């Protein structure tokens, strides 16, 4: 996790708590998060790699909690799509292409 500008440690803690929930629900290969002060609001960007597939979400909000919640919802939705894709793939042990 990286921060830019003045970011309250409470905000960082809240973001980490939300991302722990994501990691508990979906096995992550890697996770990169940036929380940045954006004028009077907050911008949050998350890039996660799940089952070898990268998903990304970025959002801004008037309050840090709003931005974090919004990006968490976006990245969770994308992670669920990847999980469905992984479950639907045949496990033949070789590529068909």
N, C-alpha and C. Protein backbone atom coordinates (compact mmCIF):
# COMPACT_ATOMS: atom_id res chain seq x y z
N UNK A 1 0.85 -1.17 0.00
CA UNK A 1 0.00 0.00 0.00
C UNK A 1 0.89 1.22 0.00
N UNK A 2 0.54 2.16 -0.86
CA UNK A 2 1.23 3.43 -0.89
C UNK A 2 0.22 4.54 -0.66
N UNK A 3 0.71 5.63 -0.11
CA UNK A 3 -0.13 6.79 0.11
C UNK A 3 0.55 8.00 -0.52
N UNK A 4 -0.29 8.95 -0.96
CA UNK A 4 0.22 10.22 -1.47
C UNK A 4 -0.55 11.33 -0.82
N UNK A 5 0.16 12.36 -0.40
CA UNK A 5 -0.47 13.46 0.30
C UNK A 5 -0.69 13.09 1.75
N UNK A 6 -1.41 13.94 2.44
CA UNK A 6 -1.70 13.68 3.86
C UNK A 6 -2.87 12.72 3.97
N UNK A 7 -2.54 11.48 4.36
CA UNK A 7 -3.56 10.45 4.52
C UNK A 7 -3.52 10.00 5.98
N UNK A 8 -4.63 10.17 6.66
CA UNK A 8 -4.75 9.80 8.06
C UNK A 8 -4.49 8.30 8.23
N UNK A 9 -3.71 7.89 9.24
CA UNK A 9 -3.49 6.47 9.48
C UNK A 9 -4.78 5.67 9.71
N UNK A 10 -5.82 6.31 10.20
CA UNK A 10 -7.11 5.64 10.38
C UNK A 10 -7.67 5.23 9.01
N UNK A 11 -7.46 6.07 8.00
CA UNK A 11 -7.92 5.77 6.65
C UNK A 11 -7.16 4.55 6.12
N UNK A 12 -5.86 4.52 6.33
CA UNK A 12 -5.05 3.38 5.90
C UNK A 12 -5.53 2.11 6.58
N UNK A 13 -5.80 2.19 7.88
CA UNK A 13 -6.30 1.03 8.62
C UNK A 13 -7.63 0.54 8.09
N UNK A 14 -8.53 1.46 7.77
CA UNK A 14 -9.83 1.07 7.22
C UNK A 14 -9.67 0.39 5.86
N UNK A 15 -8.80 0.95 5.02
CA UNK A 15 -8.55 0.34 3.70
C UNK A 15 -7.98 -1.06 3.87
N UNK A 16 -7.05 -1.24 4.77
CA UNK A 16 -6.47 -2.56 5.00
C UNK A 16 -7.52 -3.55 5.52
N UNK A 17 -8.39 -3.10 6.40
CA UNK A 17 -9.47 -3.98 6.90
C UNK A 17 -10.36 -4.44 5.75
N UNK A 18 -10.75 -3.53 4.87
CA UNK A 18 -11.59 -3.89 3.73
C UNK A 18 -10.88 -4.88 2.82
N UNK A 19 -9.61 -4.65 2.58
CA UNK A 19 -8.86 -5.52 1.68
C UNK A 19 -8.58 -6.89 2.30
N UNK A 20 -8.51 -6.94 3.61
CA UNK A 20 -8.40 -8.25 4.28
C UNK A 20 -9.66 -9.07 4.02
N UNK A 21 -10.80 -8.40 4.01
CA UNK A 21 -12.06 -9.10 3.69
C UNK A 21 -12.01 -9.65 2.27
N UNK A 22 -11.51 -8.86 1.34
CA UNK A 22 -11.38 -9.32 -0.05
C UNK A 22 -10.46 -10.53 -0.12
N UNK A 23 -9.33 -10.47 0.56
CA UNK A 23 -8.36 -11.58 0.53
C UNK A 23 -8.93 -12.83 1.21
N UNK A 24 -9.80 -12.65 2.19
CA UNK A 24 -10.40 -13.81 2.86
C UNK A 24 -11.39 -14.53 1.94
N UNK A 25 -12.02 -13.77 1.04
CA UNK A 25 -13.02 -14.35 0.14
C UNK A 25 -12.42 -14.89 -1.16
N UNK A 26 -11.30 -14.32 -1.59
CA UNK A 26 -10.71 -14.67 -2.89
C UNK A 26 -9.20 -14.85 -2.73
N UNK A 27 -8.64 -15.95 -3.21
CA UNK A 27 -7.20 -16.13 -3.12
C UNK A 27 -6.48 -15.16 -4.06
N UNK A 28 -5.71 -14.26 -3.50
CA UNK A 28 -5.03 -13.24 -4.28
C UNK A 28 -3.59 -13.66 -4.54
N UNK A 29 -3.14 -13.47 -5.79
CA UNK A 29 -1.73 -13.67 -6.10
C UNK A 29 -0.93 -12.45 -5.66
N UNK A 30 -1.51 -11.27 -5.87
CA UNK A 30 -0.87 -10.03 -5.43
C UNK A 30 -1.92 -8.93 -5.34
N UNK A 31 -1.55 -7.87 -4.64
CA UNK A 31 -2.47 -6.76 -4.42
C UNK A 31 -1.65 -5.48 -4.30
N UNK A 32 -2.06 -4.46 -5.05
CA UNK A 32 -1.41 -3.15 -4.96
C UNK A 32 -2.49 -2.10 -4.72
N UNK A 33 -2.25 -1.25 -3.75
CA UNK A 33 -3.24 -0.24 -3.37
C UNK A 33 -2.56 1.12 -3.27
N UNK A 34 -3.22 2.14 -3.80
CA UNK A 34 -2.74 3.50 -3.60
C UNK A 34 -3.89 4.33 -3.09
N UNK A 35 -3.64 5.04 -2.00
CA UNK A 35 -4.62 5.95 -1.40
C UNK A 35 -3.99 7.33 -1.48
N UNK A 36 -4.71 8.27 -2.10
CA UNK A 36 -4.14 9.60 -2.30
C UNK A 36 -5.17 10.68 -1.99
N UNK A 37 -4.70 11.74 -1.39
CA UNK A 37 -5.53 12.91 -1.16
C UNK A 37 -5.82 13.52 -2.52
N UNK A 38 -7.09 13.84 -2.80
CA UNK A 38 -7.50 14.39 -4.09
C UNK A 38 -8.31 15.65 -3.81
N UNK A 39 -7.64 16.78 -3.71
CA UNK A 39 -8.33 18.01 -3.33
C UNK A 39 -8.86 17.87 -1.91
N UNK A 40 -10.18 17.96 -1.77
CA UNK A 40 -10.80 17.79 -0.45
C UNK A 40 -11.27 16.36 -0.23
N UNK A 41 -11.13 15.51 -1.23
CA UNK A 41 -11.58 14.12 -1.13
C UNK A 41 -10.43 13.15 -1.14
N UNK A 42 -10.72 11.94 -1.56
CA UNK A 42 -9.74 10.86 -1.54
C UNK A 42 -9.87 10.06 -2.83
N UNK A 43 -8.75 9.62 -3.37
CA UNK A 43 -8.72 8.74 -4.55
C UNK A 43 -8.08 7.44 -4.13
N UNK A 44 -8.70 6.33 -4.53
CA UNK A 44 -8.19 5.00 -4.19
C UNK A 44 -8.10 4.18 -5.46
N UNK A 45 -6.95 3.54 -5.66
CA UNK A 45 -6.75 2.64 -6.80
C UNK A 45 -6.30 1.29 -6.26
N UNK A 46 -6.89 0.23 -6.78
CA UNK A 46 -6.55 -1.14 -6.37
C UNK A 46 -6.30 -1.97 -7.62
N UNK A 47 -5.19 -2.69 -7.63
CA UNK A 47 -4.92 -3.67 -8.66
C UNK A 47 -4.68 -5.00 -7.96
N UNK A 48 -5.48 -5.99 -8.30
CA UNK A 48 -5.36 -7.31 -7.70
C UNK A 48 -5.12 -8.33 -8.80
N UNK A 49 -4.32 -9.35 -8.49
CA UNK A 49 -4.13 -10.46 -9.42
C UNK A 49 -4.73 -11.68 -8.76
N UNK A 50 -5.71 -12.29 -9.44
CA UNK A 50 -6.41 -13.47 -8.95
C UNK A 50 -6.34 -14.53 -10.04
N UNK A 51 -5.87 -15.69 -9.70
CA UNK A 51 -5.77 -16.79 -10.66
C UNK A 51 -5.04 -16.34 -11.93
N UNK A 52 -4.02 -15.50 -11.74
CA UNK A 52 -3.23 -15.03 -12.86
C UNK A 52 -3.86 -13.93 -13.69
N UNK A 53 -5.03 -13.46 -13.31
CA UNK A 53 -5.73 -12.41 -14.05
C UNK A 53 -5.74 -11.12 -13.23
N UNK A 54 -5.32 -10.03 -13.86
CA UNK A 54 -5.29 -8.74 -13.17
C UNK A 54 -6.65 -8.06 -13.29
N UNK A 55 -7.11 -7.52 -12.19
CA UNK A 55 -8.33 -6.70 -12.17
C UNK A 55 -7.97 -5.39 -11.49
N UNK A 56 -8.62 -4.32 -11.92
CA UNK A 56 -8.27 -3.00 -11.41
C UNK A 56 -9.53 -2.20 -11.16
N UNK A 57 -9.50 -1.43 -10.11
CA UNK A 57 -10.60 -0.51 -9.80
C UNK A 57 -9.98 0.79 -9.28
N UNK A 58 -10.57 1.89 -9.66
CA UNK A 58 -10.12 3.20 -9.19
C UNK A 58 -11.35 4.07 -9.01
N UNK A 59 -11.36 4.82 -7.94
CA UNK A 59 -12.50 5.68 -7.67
C UNK A 59 -12.08 6.83 -6.77
N UNK A 60 -12.91 7.83 -6.70
CA UNK A 60 -12.69 8.96 -5.81
C UNK A 60 -13.97 9.18 -5.02
N UNK A 61 -13.84 9.78 -3.87
CA UNK A 61 -15.01 10.06 -3.04
C UNK A 61 -14.81 11.32 -2.23
N UNK A 62 -15.92 11.87 -1.78
CA UNK A 62 -15.87 13.08 -0.95
C UNK A 62 -15.19 12.79 0.38
N UNK A 63 -15.40 11.57 0.87
CA UNK A 63 -14.77 11.17 2.13
C UNK A 63 -13.91 9.93 1.87
N UNK A 64 -12.90 9.72 2.69
CA UNK A 64 -12.06 8.53 2.52
C UNK A 64 -12.87 7.24 2.57
N UNK A 65 -13.77 7.14 3.53
CA UNK A 65 -14.56 5.91 3.68
C UNK A 65 -15.41 5.65 2.43
N UNK A 66 -16.00 6.70 1.86
CA UNK A 66 -16.82 6.54 0.66
C UNK A 66 -15.97 6.03 -0.51
N UNK A 67 -14.78 6.59 -0.68
CA UNK A 67 -13.90 6.15 -1.77
C UNK A 67 -13.45 4.70 -1.56
N UNK A 68 -13.10 4.35 -0.35
CA UNK A 68 -12.65 2.98 -0.05
C UNK A 68 -13.79 1.99 -0.25
N UNK A 69 -14.97 2.33 0.25
CA UNK A 69 -16.12 1.43 0.09
C UNK A 69 -16.46 1.23 -1.39
N UNK A 70 -16.43 2.30 -2.16
CA UNK A 70 -16.75 2.21 -3.58
C UNK A 70 -15.73 1.35 -4.32
N UNK A 71 -14.45 1.53 -4.07
CA UNK A 71 -13.43 0.75 -4.76
C UNK A 71 -13.49 -0.71 -4.30
N UNK A 72 -13.81 -0.93 -3.02
CA UNK A 72 -13.96 -2.30 -2.52
C UNK A 72 -15.11 -3.01 -3.25
N UNK A 73 -16.23 -2.33 -3.42
CA UNK A 73 -17.36 -2.93 -4.13
C UNK A 73 -16.98 -3.26 -5.58
N UNK A 74 -16.28 -2.34 -6.24
CA UNK A 74 -15.87 -2.58 -7.62
C UNK A 74 -14.92 -3.77 -7.74
N UNK A 75 -13.90 -3.81 -6.91
CA UNK A 75 -12.89 -4.87 -7.03
C UNK A 75 -13.49 -6.21 -6.60
N UNK A 76 -14.41 -6.21 -5.65
CA UNK A 76 -15.07 -7.45 -5.24
C UNK A 76 -15.92 -8.00 -6.38
N UNK A 77 -16.64 -7.13 -7.06
CA UNK A 77 -17.43 -7.58 -8.21
C UNK A 77 -16.56 -8.19 -9.29
N UNK A 78 -15.43 -7.56 -9.57
CA UNK A 78 -14.51 -8.11 -10.57
C UNK A 78 -13.91 -9.44 -10.10
N UNK A 79 -13.59 -9.53 -8.83
CA UNK A 79 -13.03 -10.78 -8.29
C UNK A 79 -14.04 -11.91 -8.39
N UNK A 80 -15.32 -11.61 -8.18
CA UNK A 80 -16.35 -12.63 -8.31
C UNK A 80 -16.47 -13.11 -9.75
N UNK A 81 -16.31 -12.21 -10.72
CA UNK A 81 -16.33 -12.61 -12.13
C UNK A 81 -15.15 -13.53 -12.45
N UNK A 82 -13.98 -13.20 -11.94
CA UNK A 82 -12.81 -14.05 -12.17
C UNK A 82 -13.03 -15.42 -11.53
N UNK A 83 -13.58 -15.44 -10.32
CA UNK A 83 -13.83 -16.71 -9.63
C UNK A 83 -14.79 -17.58 -10.44
N UNK A 84 -15.85 -16.99 -11.01
CA UNK A 84 -16.77 -17.74 -11.85
C UNK A 84 -16.08 -18.27 -13.10
N UNK A 85 -15.23 -17.44 -13.70
CA UNK A 85 -14.49 -17.84 -14.89
C UNK A 85 -13.58 -19.03 -14.56
N UNK A 86 -12.88 -18.97 -13.43
CA UNK A 86 -11.97 -20.05 -13.04
C UNK A 86 -12.76 -21.34 -12.81
N UNK A 87 -13.90 -21.25 -12.14
CA UNK A 87 -14.72 -22.45 -11.87
C UNK A 87 -15.28 -23.05 -13.14
N UNK A 88 -15.53 -22.24 -14.15
CA UNK A 88 -16.15 -22.75 -15.38
C UNK A 88 -15.13 -23.33 -16.36
N UNK A 89 -13.86 -23.10 -16.13
CA UNK A 89 -12.83 -23.61 -17.05
C UNK A 89 -12.68 -25.12 -16.89
N UNK A 90 -12.55 -25.81 -18.01
CA UNK A 90 -12.25 -27.25 -17.90
C UNK A 90 -10.81 -27.43 -17.40
N UNK A 91 -10.62 -28.44 -16.60
CA UNK A 91 -9.31 -28.69 -16.02
C UNK A 91 -8.64 -29.86 -16.74
N UNK A 92 -8.37 -29.66 -18.02
CA UNK A 92 -7.82 -30.74 -18.84
C UNK A 92 -6.31 -30.90 -18.67
N UNK A 93 -5.67 -29.89 -18.10
CA UNK A 93 -4.23 -29.98 -17.92
C UNK A 93 -3.44 -29.43 -19.08
N UNK A 94 -4.12 -29.03 -20.18
CA UNK A 94 -3.42 -28.41 -21.29
C UNK A 94 -4.35 -27.41 -21.97
N UNK A 95 -3.74 -26.46 -22.66
CA UNK A 95 -4.52 -25.45 -23.37
C UNK A 95 -5.11 -26.05 -24.64
N UNK A 96 -6.28 -25.57 -25.00
CA UNK A 96 -6.92 -26.10 -26.21
C UNK A 96 -6.53 -25.27 -27.43
N UNK A 97 -5.69 -24.25 -27.28
CA UNK A 97 -5.36 -23.39 -28.40
C UNK A 97 -4.02 -23.52 -28.82
